[in-house]
Amino acid sequence: LHPAVLRIIRETVRAAHTQGIPVAMCGEMAGEPIHTQLLIGMGIDSLSMNAVSLPRVKKIVRATRLADAQQLAAAIGQFSTAWEVEEFVKNEMARRFPGLLERAAAVGPASG
C-alpha cells in the first residue's frame, strides 16, 4: 500500500484504459476484502483470487457504489506512507462494512 506503488497502479490503469485495454489484478491484494473498494476505485476491471477469498470480496463488490470507491481511492493521495494508507483504508472499510475486519480475522488471511 505504499503511495508510490499505488500511483504506479493508477497510472497503469489510466494508460491501459486510454488504449481500451482492461486491467486485471491477481494475487493476495486482489483477494483481500479490505482492498476491494480501493482497487475498484482505482479502476481495476477484474480481480483474480483464490476460492477462499471469493465470498467476502464478492459481497463487497456487490455492495459497492463506484462513486464511493472512487472517493476512497482519491483520498489516499493525501498520505505519504504505506502505514497511513493502510490505517485509512482499514478505518474506512470498517466504517463502510461493519464487522468486515472481525470476520476477516476469524477466517484468517486471504492467502491461506
PDB file of N, CA and C in Angstrom:
ATOM      1  N   LEU A   1       0.806  -1.203   0.000  1.00  0.00           N
ATOM      2  CA  LEU A   1       0.000   0.000   0.000  1.00  0.00           C
ATOM      3  C   LEU A   1       0.850   1.269   0.000  1.00  0.00           C
ATOM      4  N   HIS A   2       2.095   1.152  -0.400  1.00  0.00           N
ATOM      5  CA  HIS A   2       2.932   2.348  -0.459  1.00  0.00           C
ATOM      6  C   HIS A   2       2.369   3.301  -1.506  1.00  0.00           C
ATOM      7  N   PRO A   3       2.264   4.576  -1.190  1.00  0.00           N
ATOM      8  CA  PRO A   3       1.688   5.538  -2.133  1.00  0.00           C
ATOM      9  C   PRO A   3       2.340   5.525  -3.517  1.00  0.00           C
ATOM     10  N   ALA A   4       3.643   5.306  -3.589  1.00  0.00           N
ATOM     11  CA  ALA A   4       4.310   5.259  -4.894  1.00  0.00           C
ATOM     12  C   ALA A   4       3.829   4.065  -5.721  1.00  0.00           C
ATOM     13  N   VAL A   5       3.645   2.928  -5.068  1.00  0.00           N
ATOM     14  CA  VAL A   5       3.151   1.739  -5.766  1.00  0.00           C
ATOM     15  C   VAL A   5       1.708   1.957  -6.214  1.00  0.00           C
ATOM     16  N   LEU A   6       0.901   2.565  -5.360  1.00  0.00           N
ATOM     17  CA  LEU A   6      -0.485   2.842  -5.728  1.00  0.00           C
ATOM     18  C   LEU A   6      -0.559   3.826  -6.897  1.00  0.00           C
ATOM     19  N   ARG A   7       0.350   4.797  -6.932  1.00  0.00           N
ATOM     20  CA  ARG A   7       0.393   5.725  -8.081  1.00  0.00           C
ATOM     21  C   ARG A   7       0.743   4.982  -9.365  1.00  0.00           C
ATOM     22  N   ILE A   8       1.663   4.042  -9.283  1.00  0.00           N
ATOM     23  CA  ILE A   8       2.036   3.251 -10.468  1.00  0.00           C
ATOM     24  C   ILE A   8       0.834   2.438 -10.949  1.00  0.00           C
ATOM     25  N   ILE A   9       0.115   1.837 -10.022  1.00  0.00           N
ATOM     26  CA  ILE A   9      -1.081   1.070 -10.394  1.00  0.00           C
ATOM     27  C   ILE A   9      -2.092   1.991 -11.064  1.00  0.00           C
ATOM     28  N   ARG A  10      -2.325   3.142 -10.468  1.00  0.00           N
ATOM     29  CA  ARG A  10      -3.300   4.088 -11.015  1.00  0.00           C
ATOM     30  C   ARG A  10      -2.886   4.555 -12.419  1.00  0.00           C
ATOM     31  N   GLU A  11      -1.615   4.843 -12.598  1.00  0.00           N
ATOM     32  CA  GLU A  11      -1.126   5.285 -13.920  1.00  0.00           C
ATOM     33  C   GLU A  11      -1.201   4.156 -14.952  1.00  0.00           C
ATOM     34  N   THR A  12      -0.940   2.948 -14.519  1.00  0.00           N
ATOM     35  CA  THR A  12      -1.064   1.791 -15.404  1.00  0.00           C
ATOM     36  C   THR A  12      -2.509   1.634 -15.864  1.00  0.00           C
ATOM     37  N   VAL A  13      -3.430   1.748 -14.929  1.00  0.00           N
ATOM     38  CA  VAL A  13      -4.859   1.643 -15.258  1.00  0.00           C
ATOM     39  C   VAL A  13      -5.242   2.754 -16.233  1.00  0.00           C
ATOM     40  N   ARG A  14      -4.830   3.974 -15.943  1.00  0.00           N
ATOM     41  CA  ARG A  14      -5.174   5.113 -16.797  1.00  0.00           C
ATOM     42  C   ARG A  14      -4.636   4.911 -18.220  1.00  0.00           C
ATOM     43  N   ALA A  15      -3.383   4.512 -18.329  1.00  0.00           N
ATOM     44  CA  ALA A  15      -2.773   4.304 -19.650  1.00  0.00           C
ATOM     45  C   ALA A  15      -3.459   3.169 -20.404  1.00  0.00           C
ATOM     46  N   ALA A  16      -3.746   2.096 -19.715  1.00  0.00           N
ATOM     47  CA  ALA A  16      -4.405   0.956 -20.356  1.00  0.00           C
ATOM     48  C   ALA A  16      -5.801   1.339 -20.824  1.00  0.00           C
ATOM     49  N   HIS A  17      -6.562   1.988 -19.980  1.00  0.00           N
ATOM     50  CA  HIS A  17      -7.923   2.373 -20.339  1.00  0.00           C
ATOM     51  C   HIS A  17      -7.942   3.362 -21.497  1.00  0.00           C
ATOM     52  N   THR A  18      -6.945   4.226 -21.577  1.00  0.00           N
ATOM     53  CA  THR A  18      -6.842   5.158 -22.705  1.00  0.00           C
ATOM     54  C   THR A  18      -6.748   4.400 -24.025  1.00  0.00           C
ATOM     55  N   GLN A  19      -6.137   3.230 -23.980  1.00  0.00           N
ATOM     56  CA  GLN A  19      -5.968   2.402 -25.173  1.00  0.00           C
ATOM     57  C   GLN A  19      -7.065   1.334 -25.289  1.00  0.00           C
ATOM     58  N   GLY A  20      -8.043   1.391 -24.404  1.00  0.00           N
ATOM     59  CA  GLY A  20      -9.134   0.421 -24.447  1.00  0.00           C
ATOM     60  C   GLY A  20      -8.758  -0.948 -23.913  1.00  0.00           C
ATOM     61  N   ILE A  21      -7.742  -1.004 -23.092  1.00  0.00           N
ATOM     62  CA  ILE A  21      -7.260  -2.271 -22.545  1.00  0.00           C
ATOM     63  C   ILE A  21      -7.748  -2.414 -21.102  1.00  0.00           C
ATOM     64  N   PRO A  22      -8.458  -3.495 -20.780  1.00  0.00           N
ATOM     65  CA  PRO A  22      -8.880  -3.706 -19.393  1.00  0.00           C
ATOM     66  C   PRO A  22      -7.692  -4.119 -18.519  1.00  0.00           C
ATOM     67  N   VAL A  23      -7.805  -3.829 -17.232  1.00  0.00           N
ATOM     68  CA  VAL A  23      -6.726  -4.145 -16.292  1.00  0.00           C
ATOM     69  C   VAL A  23      -7.252  -5.099 -15.228  1.00  0.00           C
ATOM     70  N   ALA A  24      -6.529  -6.191 -15.037  1.00  0.00           N
ATOM     71  CA  ALA A  24      -6.876  -7.177 -14.016  1.00  0.00           C
ATOM     72  C   ALA A  24      -5.774  -7.214 -12.973  1.00  0.00           C
ATOM     73  N   MET A  25      -6.142  -7.555 -11.760  1.00  0.00           N
ATOM     74  CA  MET A  25      -5.158  -7.760 -10.710  1.00  0.00           C
ATOM     75  C   MET A  25      -5.395  -9.148 -10.139  1.00  0.00           C
ATOM     76  N   CYS A  26      -4.315  -9.878  -9.925  1.00  0.00           N
ATOM     77  CA  CYS A  26      -4.442 -11.186  -9.306  1.00  0.00           C
ATOM     78  C   CYS A  26      -3.485 -11.264  -8.132  1.00  0.00           C
ATOM     79  N   GLY A  27      -3.776 -12.170  -7.229  1.00  0.00           N
ATOM     80  CA  GLY A  27      -2.894 -12.372  -6.096  1.00  0.00           C
ATOM     81  C   GLY A  27      -3.502 -11.940  -4.785  1.00  0.00           C
ATOM     82  N   GLU A  28      -2.651 -11.819  -3.785  1.00  0.00           N
ATOM     83  CA  GLU A  28      -3.117 -11.553  -2.427  1.00  0.00           C
ATOM     84  C   GLU A  28      -3.859 -10.240  -2.294  1.00  0.00           C
ATOM     85  N   MET A  29      -3.373  -9.176  -2.916  1.00  0.00           N
ATOM     86  CA  MET A  29      -4.054  -7.889  -2.788  1.00  0.00           C
ATOM     87  C   MET A  29      -5.451  -7.954  -3.401  1.00  0.00           C
ATOM     88  N   ALA A  30      -5.589  -8.623  -4.527  1.00  0.00           N
ATOM     89  CA  ALA A  30      -6.886  -8.746  -5.184  1.00  0.00           C
ATOM     90  C   ALA A  30      -7.871  -9.532  -4.328  1.00  0.00           C
ATOM     91  N   GLY A  31      -7.376 -10.479  -3.547  1.00  0.00           N
ATOM     92  CA  GLY A  31      -8.237 -11.323  -2.737  1.00  0.00           C
ATOM     93  C   GLY A  31      -8.436 -10.835  -1.317  1.00  0.00           C
ATOM     94  N   GLU A  32      -7.899  -9.689  -1.006  1.00  0.00           N
ATOM     95  CA  GLU A  32      -8.038  -9.142   0.341  1.00  0.00           C
ATOM     96  C   GLU A  32      -9.237  -8.199   0.400  1.00  0.00           C
ATOM     97  N   PRO A  33     -10.300  -8.574   1.101  1.00  0.00           N
ATOM     98  CA  PRO A  33     -11.518  -7.759   1.121  1.00  0.00           C
ATOM     99  C   PRO A  33     -11.291  -6.301   1.508  1.00  0.00           C
ATOM    100  N   ILE A  34     -10.338  -6.062   2.368  1.00  0.00           N
ATOM    101  CA  ILE A  34     -10.089  -4.691   2.816  1.00  0.00           C
ATOM    102  C   ILE A  34      -9.624  -3.795   1.669  1.00  0.00           C
ATOM    103  N   HIS A  35      -9.063  -4.390   0.624  1.00  0.00           N
ATOM    104  CA  HIS A  35      -8.553  -3.615  -0.508  1.00  0.00           C
ATOM    105  C   HIS A  35      -9.536  -3.524  -1.677  1.00  0.00           C
ATOM    106  N   THR A  36     -10.643  -4.226  -1.589  1.00  0.00           N
ATOM    107  CA  THR A  36     -11.560  -4.330  -2.725  1.00  0.00           C
ATOM    108  C   THR A  36     -12.038  -2.975  -3.220  1.00  0.00           C
ATOM    109  N   GLN A  37     -12.567  -2.143  -2.333  1.00  0.00           N
ATOM    110  CA  GLN A  37     -13.068  -0.838  -2.781  1.00  0.00           C
ATOM    111  C   GLN A  37     -11.953   0.038  -3.315  1.00  0.00           C
ATOM    112  N   LEU A  38     -10.789  -0.014  -2.726  1.00  0.00           N
ATOM    113  CA  LEU A  38      -9.659   0.768  -3.205  1.00  0.00           C
ATOM    114  C   LEU A  38      -9.318   0.386  -4.644  1.00  0.00           C
ATOM    115  N   LEU A  39      -9.244  -0.912  -4.913  1.00  0.00           N
ATOM    116  CA  LEU A  39      -8.907  -1.377  -6.258  1.00  0.00           C
ATOM    117  C   LEU A  39      -9.987  -1.011  -7.267  1.00  0.00           C
ATOM    118  N   ILE A  40     -11.242  -1.136  -6.876  1.00  0.00           N
ATOM    119  CA  ILE A  40     -12.337  -0.726  -7.763  1.00  0.00           C
ATOM    120  C   ILE A  40     -12.234   0.768  -8.033  1.00  0.00           C
ATOM    121  N   GLY A  41     -12.000   1.541  -7.000  1.00  0.00           N
ATOM    122  CA  GLY A  41     -11.901   2.986  -7.145  1.00  0.00           C
ATOM    123  C   GLY A  41     -10.732   3.434  -7.992  1.00  0.00           C
ATOM    124  N   MET A  42      -9.680   2.622  -8.033  1.00  0.00           N
ATOM    125  CA  MET A  42      -8.521   2.936  -8.874  1.00  0.00           C
ATOM    126  C   MET A  42      -8.752   2.529 -10.321  1.00  0.00           C
ATOM    127  N   GLY A  43      -9.853   1.839 -10.579  1.00  0.00           N
ATOM    128  CA  GLY A  43     -10.192   1.488 -11.952  1.00  0.00           C
ATOM    129  C   GLY A  43      -9.848   0.076 -12.373  1.00  0.00           C
ATOM    130  N   ILE A  44      -9.435  -0.766 -11.432  1.00  0.00           N
ATOM    131  CA  ILE A  44      -9.156  -2.164 -11.772  1.00  0.00           C
ATOM    132  C   ILE A  44     -10.455  -2.795 -12.279  1.00  0.00           C
ATOM    133  N   ASP A  45     -10.374  -3.461 -13.419  1.00  0.00           N
ATOM    134  CA  ASP A  45     -11.568  -4.023 -14.061  1.00  0.00           C
ATOM    135  C   ASP A  45     -11.953  -5.399 -13.554  1.00  0.00           C
ATOM    136  N   SER A  46     -10.984  -6.204 -13.181  1.00  0.00           N
ATOM    137  CA  SER A  46     -11.303  -7.533 -12.663  1.00  0.00           C
ATOM    138  C   SER A  46     -10.265  -7.964 -11.641  1.00  0.00           C
ATOM    139  N   LEU A  47     -10.723  -8.813 -10.735  1.00  0.00           N
ATOM    140  CA  LEU A  47      -9.881  -9.321  -9.663  1.00  0.00           C
ATOM    141  C   LEU A  47      -9.837 -10.838  -9.752  1.00  0.00           C
ATOM    142  N   SER A  48      -8.655 -11.406  -9.593  1.00  0.00           N
ATOM    143  CA  SER A  48      -8.485 -12.847  -9.616  1.00  0.00           C
ATOM    144  C   SER A  48      -7.869 -13.270  -8.284  1.00  0.00           C
ATOM    145  N   MET A  49      -8.484 -14.276  -7.662  1.00  0.00           N
ATOM    146  CA  MET A  49      -8.038 -14.665  -6.325  1.00  0.00           C
ATOM    147  C   MET A  49      -8.331 -16.129  -6.064  1.00  0.00           C
ATOM    148  N   ASN A  50      -7.873 -16.607  -4.916  1.00  0.00           N
ATOM    149  CA  ASN A  50      -8.164 -17.984  -4.534  1.00  0.00           C
ATOM    150  C   ASN A  50      -9.623 -18.099  -4.120  1.00  0.00           C
ATOM    151  N   ALA A  51     -10.141 -19.299  -4.157  1.00  0.00           N
ATOM    152  CA  ALA A  51     -11.564 -19.544  -3.896  1.00  0.00           C
ATOM    153  C   ALA A  51     -11.994 -19.144  -2.490  1.00  0.00           C
ATOM    154  N   VAL A  52     -11.105 -19.211  -1.526  1.00  0.00           N
ATOM    155  CA  VAL A  52     -11.439 -18.866  -0.146  1.00  0.00           C
ATOM    156  C   VAL A  52     -11.839 -17.393  -0.035  1.00  0.00           C
ATOM    157  N   SER A  53     -11.226 -16.540  -0.829  1.00  0.00           N
ATOM    158  CA  SER A  53     -11.482 -15.105  -0.759  1.00  0.00           C
ATOM    159  C   SER A  53     -12.746 -14.674  -1.484  1.00  0.00           C
ATOM    160  N   LEU A  54     -13.213 -15.483  -2.416  1.00  0.00           N
ATOM    161  CA  LEU A  54     -14.332 -15.079  -3.277  1.00  0.00           C
ATOM    162  C   LEU A  54     -15.587 -14.601  -2.544  1.00  0.00           C
ATOM    163  N   PRO A  55     -16.113 -15.317  -1.575  1.00  0.00           N
ATOM    164  CA  PRO A  55     -17.375 -14.872  -0.957  1.00  0.00           C
ATOM    165  C   PRO A  55     -17.294 -13.486  -0.329  1.00  0.00           C
ATOM    166  N   ARG A  56     -16.224 -13.225   0.409  1.00  0.00           N
ATOM    167  CA  ARG A  56     -16.106 -11.920   1.081  1.00  0.00           C
ATOM    168  C   ARG A  56     -15.895 -10.795   0.068  1.00  0.00           C
ATOM    169  N   VAL A  57     -15.043 -11.015  -0.912  1.00  0.00           N
ATOM    170  CA  VAL A  57     -14.792  -9.981  -1.920  1.00  0.00           C
ATOM    171  C   VAL A  57     -16.047  -9.747  -2.748  1.00  0.00           C
ATOM    172  N   LYS A  58     -16.727 -10.813  -3.113  1.00  0.00           N
ATOM    173  CA  LYS A  58     -17.954 -10.698  -3.900  1.00  0.00           C
ATOM    174  C   LYS A  58     -19.007  -9.881  -3.157  1.00  0.00           C
ATOM    175  N   LYS A  59     -19.119 -10.103  -1.860  1.00  0.00           N
ATOM    176  CA  LYS A  59     -20.084  -9.352  -1.053  1.00  0.00           C
ATOM    177  C   LYS A  59     -19.770  -7.857  -1.102  1.00  0.00           C
ATOM    178  N   ILE A  60     -18.515  -7.512  -1.008  1.00  0.00           N
ATOM    179  CA  ILE A  60     -18.119  -6.102  -1.046  1.00  0.00           C
ATOM    180  C   ILE A  60     -18.359  -5.512  -2.425  1.00  0.00           C
ATOM    181  N   VAL A  61     -17.998  -6.249  -3.457  1.00  0.00           N
ATOM    182  CA  VAL A  61     -18.217  -5.757  -4.822  1.00  0.00           C
ATOM    183  C   VAL A  61     -19.688  -5.458  -5.039  1.00  0.00           C
ATOM    184  N   ARG A  62     -20.540  -6.364  -4.629  1.00  0.00           N
ATOM    185  CA  ARG A  62     -21.985  -6.185  -4.820  1.00  0.00           C
ATOM    186  C   ARG A  62     -22.543  -5.001  -4.036  1.00  0.00           C
ATOM    187  N   ALA A  63     -21.923  -4.681  -2.907  1.00  0.00           N
ATOM    188  CA  ALA A  63     -22.410  -3.591  -2.064  1.00  0.00           C
ATOM    189  C   ALA A  63     -21.717  -2.258  -2.350  1.00  0.00           C
ATOM    190  N   THR A  64     -20.815  -2.243  -3.304  1.00  0.00           N
ATOM    191  CA  THR A  64     -20.020  -1.050  -3.575  1.00  0.00           C
ATOM    192  C   THR A  64     -20.652  -0.169  -4.640  1.00  0.00           C
ATOM    193  N   ARG A  65     -20.742   1.115  -4.315  1.00  0.00           N
ATOM    194  CA  ARG A  65     -21.105   2.116  -5.324  1.00  0.00           C
ATOM    195  C   ARG A  65     -19.800   2.644  -5.887  1.00  0.00           C
ATOM    196  N   LEU A  66     -19.719   2.753  -7.201  1.00  0.00           N
ATOM    197  CA  LEU A  66     -18.491   3.200  -7.853  1.00  0.00           C
ATOM    198  C   LEU A  66     -18.033   4.552  -7.314  1.00  0.00           C
ATOM    199  N   ALA A  67     -18.954   5.472  -7.107  1.00  0.00           N
ATOM    200  CA  ALA A  67     -18.587   6.807  -6.602  1.00  0.00           C
ATOM    201  C   ALA A  67     -17.908   6.712  -5.234  1.00  0.00           C
ATOM    202  N   ASP A  68     -18.387   5.819  -4.374  1.00  0.00           N
ATOM    203  CA  ASP A  68     -17.775   5.641  -3.054  1.00  0.00           C
ATOM    204  C   ASP A  68     -16.362   5.071  -3.174  1.00  0.00           C
ATOM    205  N   ALA A  69     -16.201   4.104  -4.057  1.00  0.00           N
ATOM    206  CA  ALA A  69     -14.879   3.505  -4.267  1.00  0.00           C
ATOM    207  C   ALA A  69     -13.906   4.531  -4.839  1.00  0.00           C
ATOM    208  N   GLN A  70     -14.373   5.346  -5.759  1.00  0.00           N
ATOM    209  CA  GLN A  70     -13.517   6.381  -6.343  1.00  0.00           C
ATOM    210  C   GLN A  70     -13.138   7.427  -5.299  1.00  0.00           C
ATOM    211  N   GLN A  71     -14.063   7.745  -4.415  1.00  0.00           N
ATOM    212  CA  GLN A  71     -13.785   8.693  -3.339  1.00  0.00           C
ATOM    213  C   GLN A  71     -12.695   8.137  -2.417  1.00  0.00           C
ATOM    214  N   LEU A  72     -12.787   6.858  -2.085  1.00  0.00           N
ATOM    215  CA  LEU A  72     -11.773   6.222  -1.248  1.00  0.00           C
ATOM    216  C   LEU A  72     -10.407   6.271  -1.935  1.00  0.00           C
ATOM    217  N   ALA A  73     -10.375   5.924  -3.208  1.00  0.00           N
ATOM    218  CA  ALA A  73      -9.112   5.924  -3.953  1.00  0.00           C
ATOM    219  C   ALA A  73      -8.518   7.325  -4.048  1.00  0.00           C
ATOM    220  N   ALA A  74      -9.352   8.324  -4.235  1.00  0.00           N
ATOM    221  CA  ALA A  74      -8.863   9.697  -4.328  1.00  0.00           C
ATOM    222  C   ALA A  74      -8.295  10.172  -2.996  1.00  0.00           C
ATOM    223  N   ALA A  75      -8.896   9.744  -1.901  1.00  0.00           N
ATOM    224  CA  ALA A  75      -8.485  10.200  -0.574  1.00  0.00           C
ATOM    225  C   ALA A  75      -7.095   9.712  -0.184  1.00  0.00           C
ATOM    226  N   ILE A  76      -6.648   8.599  -0.740  1.00  0.00           N
ATOM    227  CA  ILE A  76      -5.340   8.078  -0.328  1.00  0.00           C
ATOM    228  C   ILE A  76      -4.185   8.937  -0.837  1.00  0.00           C
ATOM    229  N   GLY A  77      -4.469   9.841  -1.778  1.00  0.00           N
ATOM    230  CA  GLY A  77      -3.428  10.723  -2.293  1.00  0.00           C
ATOM    231  C   GLY A  77      -2.842  11.661  -1.253  1.00  0.00           C
ATOM    232  N   GLN A  78      -3.524  11.836  -0.143  1.00  0.00           N
ATOM    233  CA  GLN A  78      -3.056  12.746   0.899  1.00  0.00           C
ATOM    234  C   GLN A  78      -2.006  12.131   1.822  1.00  0.00           C
ATOM    235  N   PHE A  79      -1.751  10.824   1.676  1.00  0.00           N
ATOM    236  CA  PHE A  79      -0.843  10.132   2.585  1.00  0.00           C
ATOM    237  C   PHE A  79       0.522   9.890   1.950  1.00  0.00           C
ATOM    238  N   SER A  80       1.549   9.837   2.798  1.00  0.00           N
ATOM    239  CA  SER A  80       2.905   9.663   2.279  1.00  0.00           C
ATOM    240  C   SER A  80       3.564   8.353   2.689  1.00  0.00           C
ATOM    241  N   THR A  81       2.885   7.555   3.511  1.00  0.00           N
ATOM    242  CA  THR A  81       3.463   6.266   3.907  1.00  0.00           C
ATOM    243  C   THR A  81       2.444   5.152   3.727  1.00  0.00           C
ATOM    244  N   ALA A  82       2.940   3.944   3.584  1.00  0.00           N
ATOM    245  CA  ALA A  82       2.069   2.778   3.457  1.00  0.00           C
ATOM    246  C   ALA A  82       1.254   2.588   4.727  1.00  0.00           C
ATOM    247  N   TRP A  83       1.856   2.853   5.887  1.00  0.00           N
ATOM    248  CA  TRP A  83       1.137   2.711   7.145  1.00  0.00           C
ATOM    249  C   TRP A  83      -0.069   3.640   7.185  1.00  0.00           C
ATOM    250  N   GLU A  84       0.101   4.900   6.770  1.00  0.00           N
ATOM    251  CA  GLU A  84      -1.010   5.857   6.769  1.00  0.00           C
ATOM    252  C   GLU A  84      -2.132   5.395   5.836  1.00  0.00           C
ATOM    253  N   VAL A  85      -1.753   4.924   4.651  1.00  0.00           N
ATOM    254  CA  VAL A  85      -2.753   4.430   3.704  1.00  0.00           C
ATOM    255  C   VAL A  85      -3.482   3.242   4.304  1.00  0.00           C
ATOM    256  N   GLU A  86      -2.742   2.299   4.858  1.00  0.00           N
ATOM    257  CA  GLU A  86      -3.355   1.100   5.423  1.00  0.00           C
ATOM    258  C   GLU A  86      -4.325   1.443   6.547  1.00  0.00           C
ATOM    259  N   GLU A  87      -3.936   2.316   7.444  1.00  0.00           N
ATOM    260  CA  GLU A  87      -4.810   2.703   8.547  1.00  0.00           C
ATOM    261  C   GLU A  87      -6.074   3.393   8.036  1.00  0.00           C
ATOM    262  N   PHE A  88      -5.911   4.286   7.058  1.00  0.00           N
ATOM    263  CA  PHE A  88      -7.058   4.981   6.492  1.00  0.00           C
ATOM    264  C   PHE A  88      -8.022   3.994   5.834  1.00  0.00           C
ATOM    265  N   VAL A  89      -7.475   3.094   5.016  1.00  0.00           N
ATOM    266  CA  VAL A  89      -8.315   2.129   4.300  1.00  0.00           C
ATOM    267  C   VAL A  89      -9.005   1.199   5.300  1.00  0.00           C
ATOM    268  N   LYS A  90      -8.292   0.713   6.301  1.00  0.00           N
ATOM    269  CA  LYS A  90      -8.898  -0.147   7.320  1.00  0.00           C
ATOM    270  C   LYS A  90     -10.048   0.570   8.021  1.00  0.00           C
ATOM    271  N   ASN A  91      -9.817   1.812   8.420  1.00  0.00           N
ATOM    272  CA  ASN A  91     -10.855   2.570   9.132  1.00  0.00           C
ATOM    273  C   ASN A  91     -12.063   2.826   8.239  1.00  0.00           C
ATOM    274  N   GLU A  92     -11.822   3.181   6.994  1.00  0.00           N
ATOM    275  CA  GLU A  92     -12.928   3.439   6.063  1.00  0.00           C
ATOM    276  C   GLU A  92     -13.723   2.166   5.790  1.00  0.00           C
ATOM    277  N   MET A  93     -13.024   1.073   5.579  1.00  0.00           N
ATOM    278  CA  MET A  93     -13.723  -0.179   5.295  1.00  0.00           C
ATOM    279  C   MET A  93     -14.480  -0.668   6.527  1.00  0.00           C
ATOM    280  N   ALA A  94     -13.936  -0.462   7.710  1.00  0.00           N
ATOM    281  CA  ALA A  94     -14.642  -0.829   8.942  1.00  0.00           C
ATOM    282  C   ALA A  94     -15.900   0.014   9.092  1.00  0.00           C
ATOM    283  N   ARG A  95     -15.824   1.279   8.708  1.00  0.00           N
ATOM    284  CA  ARG A  95     -16.993   2.156   8.776  1.00  0.00           C
ATOM    285  C   ARG A  95     -18.026   1.768   7.725  1.00  0.00           C
ATOM    286  N   ARG A  96     -17.566   1.484   6.510  1.00  0.00           N
ATOM    287  CA  ARG A  96     -18.475   1.174   5.405  1.00  0.00           C
ATOM    288  C   ARG A  96     -19.049  -0.240   5.501  1.00  0.00           C
ATOM    289  N   PHE A  97     -18.282  -1.159   6.049  1.00  0.00           N
ATOM    290  CA  PHE A  97     -18.688  -2.564   6.142  1.00  0.00           C
ATOM    291  C   PHE A  97     -18.466  -3.053   7.567  1.00  0.00           C
ATOM    292  N   PRO A  98     -19.333  -2.658   8.482  1.00  0.00           N
ATOM    293  CA  PRO A  98     -19.159  -3.070   9.884  1.00  0.00           C
ATOM    294  C   PRO A  98     -19.027  -4.589  10.010  1.00  0.00           C
ATOM    295  N   GLY A  99     -18.064  -5.014  10.807  1.00  0.00           N
ATOM    296  CA  GLY A  99     -17.855  -6.436  11.032  1.00  0.00           C
ATOM    297  C   GLY A  99     -16.888  -7.084  10.055  1.00  0.00           C
ATOM    298  N   LEU A 100     -16.521  -6.397   8.993  1.00  0.00           N
ATOM    299  CA  LEU A 100     -15.634  -6.979   7.981  1.00  0.00           C
ATOM    300  C   LEU A 100     -14.293  -7.383   8.575  1.00  0.00           C
ATOM    301  N   LEU A 101     -13.681  -6.504   9.356  1.00  0.00           N
ATOM    302  CA  LEU A 101     -12.365  -6.803   9.916  1.00  0.00           C
ATOM    303  C   LEU A 101     -12.422  -7.974  10.879  1.00  0.00           C
ATOM    304  N   GLU A 102     -13.476  -8.035  11.672  1.00  0.00           N
ATOM    305  CA  GLU A 102     -13.600  -9.127  12.628  1.00  0.00           C
ATOM    306  C   GLU A 102     -13.774 -10.463  11.903  1.00  0.00           C
ATOM    307  N   ARG A 103     -14.605 -10.465  10.862  1.00  0.00           N
ATOM    308  CA  ARG A 103     -14.805 -11.703  10.099  1.00  0.00           C
ATOM    309  C   ARG A 103     -13.530 -12.110   9.381  1.00  0.00           C
ATOM    310  N   ALA A 104     -12.804 -11.144   8.831  1.00  0.00           N
ATOM    311  CA  ALA A 104     -11.565 -11.456   8.118  1.00  0.00           C
ATOM    312  C   ALA A 104     -10.534 -12.047   9.076  1.00  0.00           C
ATOM    313  N   ALA A 105     -10.446 -11.501  10.295  1.00  0.00           N
ATOM    314  CA  ALA A 105      -9.500 -12.026  11.275  1.00  0.00           C
ATOM    315  C   ALA A 105      -9.889 -13.436  11.707  1.00  0.00           C
ATOM    316  N   ALA A 106     -11.182 -13.699  11.828  1.00  0.00           N
ATOM    317  CA  ALA A 106     -11.643 -15.017  12.248  1.00  0.00           C
ATOM    318  C   ALA A 106     -11.379 -16.065  11.174  1.00  0.00           C
ATOM    319  N   VAL A 107     -11.503 -15.679   9.904  1.00  0.00           N
ATOM    320  CA  VAL A 107     -11.283 -16.610   8.800  1.00  0.00           C
ATOM    321  C   VAL A 107      -9.803 -16.801   8.557  1.00  0.00           C
ATOM    322  N   GLY A 108      -9.023 -15.741   8.788  1.00  0.00           N
ATOM    323  CA  GLY A 108      -7.595 -15.799   8.539  1.00  0.00           C
ATOM    324  C   GLY A 108      -7.248 -15.048   7.284  1.00  0.00           C
ATOM    325  N   PRO A 109      -5.965 -14.956   6.967  1.00  0.00           N
ATOM    326  CA  PRO A 109      -5.537 -14.219   5.790  1.00  0.00           C
ATOM    327  C   PRO A 109      -6.100 -14.834   4.512  1.00  0.00           C
ATOM    328  N   ALA A 110      -6.276 -13.965   3.514  1.00  0.00           N
ATOM    329  CA  ALA A 110      -6.844 -14.404   2.241  1.00  0.00           C
ATOM    330  C   ALA A 110      -5.982 -15.472   1.570  1.00  0.00           C
ATOM    331  N   SER A 111      -4.703 -15.471   1.860  1.00  0.00           N
ATOM    332  CA  SER A 111      -3.817 -16.400   1.168  1.00  0.00           C
ATOM    333  C   SER A 111      -3.816 -17.796   1.779  1.00  0.00           C
ATOM    334  N   GLY A 112      -4.492 -18.015   2.866  1.00  0.00           N
ATOM    335  CA  GLY A 112      -4.432 -19.364   3.371  1.00  0.00           C
ATOM    336  C   GLY A 112      -5.145 -19.551   4.611  1.00  0.00           C
TER     337      GLY A 112
END
